[in-house]
Amino acid sequence: MRCVPGHGVLSGRSAERKMNGEKSAPGQKSARRLDPLDMDYLARLEAIDQLLSAILHEAMKYRSVVRVALPRLRAGADPGPVRASLDPWRRSLQTIKRLSRDL
């Protein structure tokens, strides 16, 4: 794997082509097979992507609930009922913490 300026991280023949200024033919697909190390790396990146997606999903759910609670608190509402409305969503925070530990 090589970092080629302007093209990111490339491996094998792709890196050589970019560094030498060669271009692949339009519509030509790469025939390069992934070696086992690349497959492990790819699997790990896919797992990280899924974890980040799940974290984002939970965070957005919790944020939508907090967005409703904030104006009520700013308007002088009693914090007790607002706190009670947020308590069921603590599970989302626990899920976010659990998922982030897996990263």
Protein backbone atom coordinates (compact mmCIF):
# COMPACT_ATOMS: atom_id res chain seq x y z
CA MET A 1 0.00 0.00 0.00
CA ARG A 2 1.30 3.42 -0.90
CA CYS A 3 0.00 6.92 -0.31
CA VAL A 4 -0.07 8.60 -3.70
CA PRO A 5 -0.54 12.40 -3.49
CA GLY A 6 -3.95 13.37 -4.83
CA HIS A 7 -5.16 9.77 -4.98
CA GLY A 8 -5.03 8.54 -1.38
CA VAL A 9 -3.84 5.11 -0.38
CA LEU A 10 -3.46 2.67 -3.25
CA SER A 11 -1.91 -0.75 -3.49
CA GLY A 12 -0.04 -2.75 -6.05
CA ARG A 13 -0.29 -1.88 -9.72
CA SER A 14 -2.75 0.97 -9.11
CA ALA A 15 -0.15 2.88 -7.11
CA GLU A 16 2.51 2.27 -9.76
CA ARG A 17 0.19 3.45 -12.54
CA LYS A 18 -0.74 6.64 -10.69
CA MET A 19 2.87 7.41 -9.81
CA ASN A 20 3.99 6.90 -13.43
CA GLY A 21 1.09 8.95 -14.77
CA GLU A 22 -0.48 5.98 -16.55
CA LYS A 23 -4.22 5.77 -16.90
CA SER A 24 -6.36 2.69 -17.20
CA ALA A 25 -8.58 2.33 -20.22
CA PRO A 26 -12.11 3.71 -19.79
CA GLY A 27 -14.50 1.07 -18.53
CA GLN A 28 -11.66 -1.33 -17.76
CA LYS A 29 -12.13 -3.07 -14.47
CA SER A 30 -9.20 -4.00 -12.29
CA ALA A 31 -8.37 -7.68 -12.43
CA ARG A 32 -6.33 -7.47 -9.25
CA ARG A 33 -7.40 -9.88 -6.55
CA LEU A 34 -7.30 -8.92 -2.92
CA ASP A 35 -4.72 -10.75 -0.90
CA PRO A 36 -5.69 -12.17 2.52
CA LEU A 37 -4.28 -9.17 4.38
CA ASP A 38 -6.42 -6.81 2.28
CA MET A 39 -9.46 -8.99 2.95
CA ASP A 40 -8.88 -8.78 6.71
CA TYR A 41 -8.45 -5.03 6.47
CA LEU A 42 -11.57 -4.71 4.35
CA ALA A 43 -13.59 -6.80 6.80
CA ARG A 44 -12.38 -4.64 9.71
CA LEU A 45 -13.28 -1.44 7.87
CA GLU A 46 -16.75 -2.81 7.10
CA ALA A 47 -17.24 -3.70 10.78
CA ILE A 48 -16.15 -0.20 11.81
CA ASP A 49 -18.53 1.29 9.26
CA GLN A 50 -21.43 -0.71 10.70
CA LEU A 51 -20.53 0.31 14.26
CA LEU A 52 -20.30 3.98 13.33
CA SER A 53 -23.62 3.77 11.54
CA ALA A 54 -25.27 2.22 14.60
CA ILE A 55 -23.73 4.86 16.89
CA LEU A 56 -24.94 7.63 14.61
CA HIS A 57 -28.44 6.15 14.50
CA GLU A 58 -28.70 5.96 18.31
CA ALA A 59 -27.21 9.43 18.74
CA MET A 60 -29.73 10.95 16.32
CA LYS A 61 -32.63 9.29 18.16
CA TYR A 62 -31.41 10.66 21.48
CA ARG A 63 -30.73 14.08 20.00
CA SER A 64 -34.29 14.35 18.70
CA VAL A 65 -35.63 13.73 22.22
CA VAL A 66 -33.20 16.22 23.76
CA ARG A 67 -34.19 18.83 21.18
CA VAL A 68 -37.75 18.64 22.47
CA ALA A 69 -36.69 18.81 26.12
CA LEU A 70 -34.34 21.80 25.82
CA PRO A 71 -36.92 24.42 24.85
CA ARG A 72 -39.24 23.18 27.60
CA LEU A 73 -36.48 23.63 30.18
CA ARG A 74 -35.52 27.04 28.79
CA ALA A 75 -39.16 28.10 29.00
CA GLY A 76 -39.12 27.35 32.72
CA ALA A 77 -40.77 23.92 32.77
CA ASP A 78 -40.33 21.81 35.87
CA PRO A 79 -37.20 19.67 35.37
CA GLY A 80 -38.81 16.62 37.01
CA PRO A 81 -41.16 15.69 34.15
CA VAL A 82 -38.52 16.58 31.56
CA ARG A 83 -36.04 14.31 33.31
CA ALA A 84 -38.69 11.58 33.44
CA SER A 85 -39.27 11.93 29.69
CA LEU A 86 -35.52 11.50 29.04
CA ASP A 87 -35.00 8.52 31.36
CA PRO A 88 -36.33 5.90 28.92
CA TRP A 89 -33.81 7.15 26.39
CA ARG A 90 -30.85 6.46 28.67
CA ARG A 91 -30.77 3.08 27.00
CA SER A 92 -29.67 4.85 23.81
CA LEU A 93 -26.75 6.38 25.68
CA GLN A 94 -25.79 2.98 27.05
CA THR A 95 -25.97 1.54 23.53
CA ILE A 96 -23.74 4.32 22.21
CA LYS A 97 -21.18 3.67 24.97
CA ARG A 98 -21.24 -0.08 24.30
CA LEU A 99 -20.80 0.37 20.57
CA SER A 100 -18.01 2.90 20.97
CA ARG A 101 -16.08 0.46 23.17
CA ASP A 102 -16.13 -1.99 20.24
CA LEU A 103 -14.37 0.49 17.99
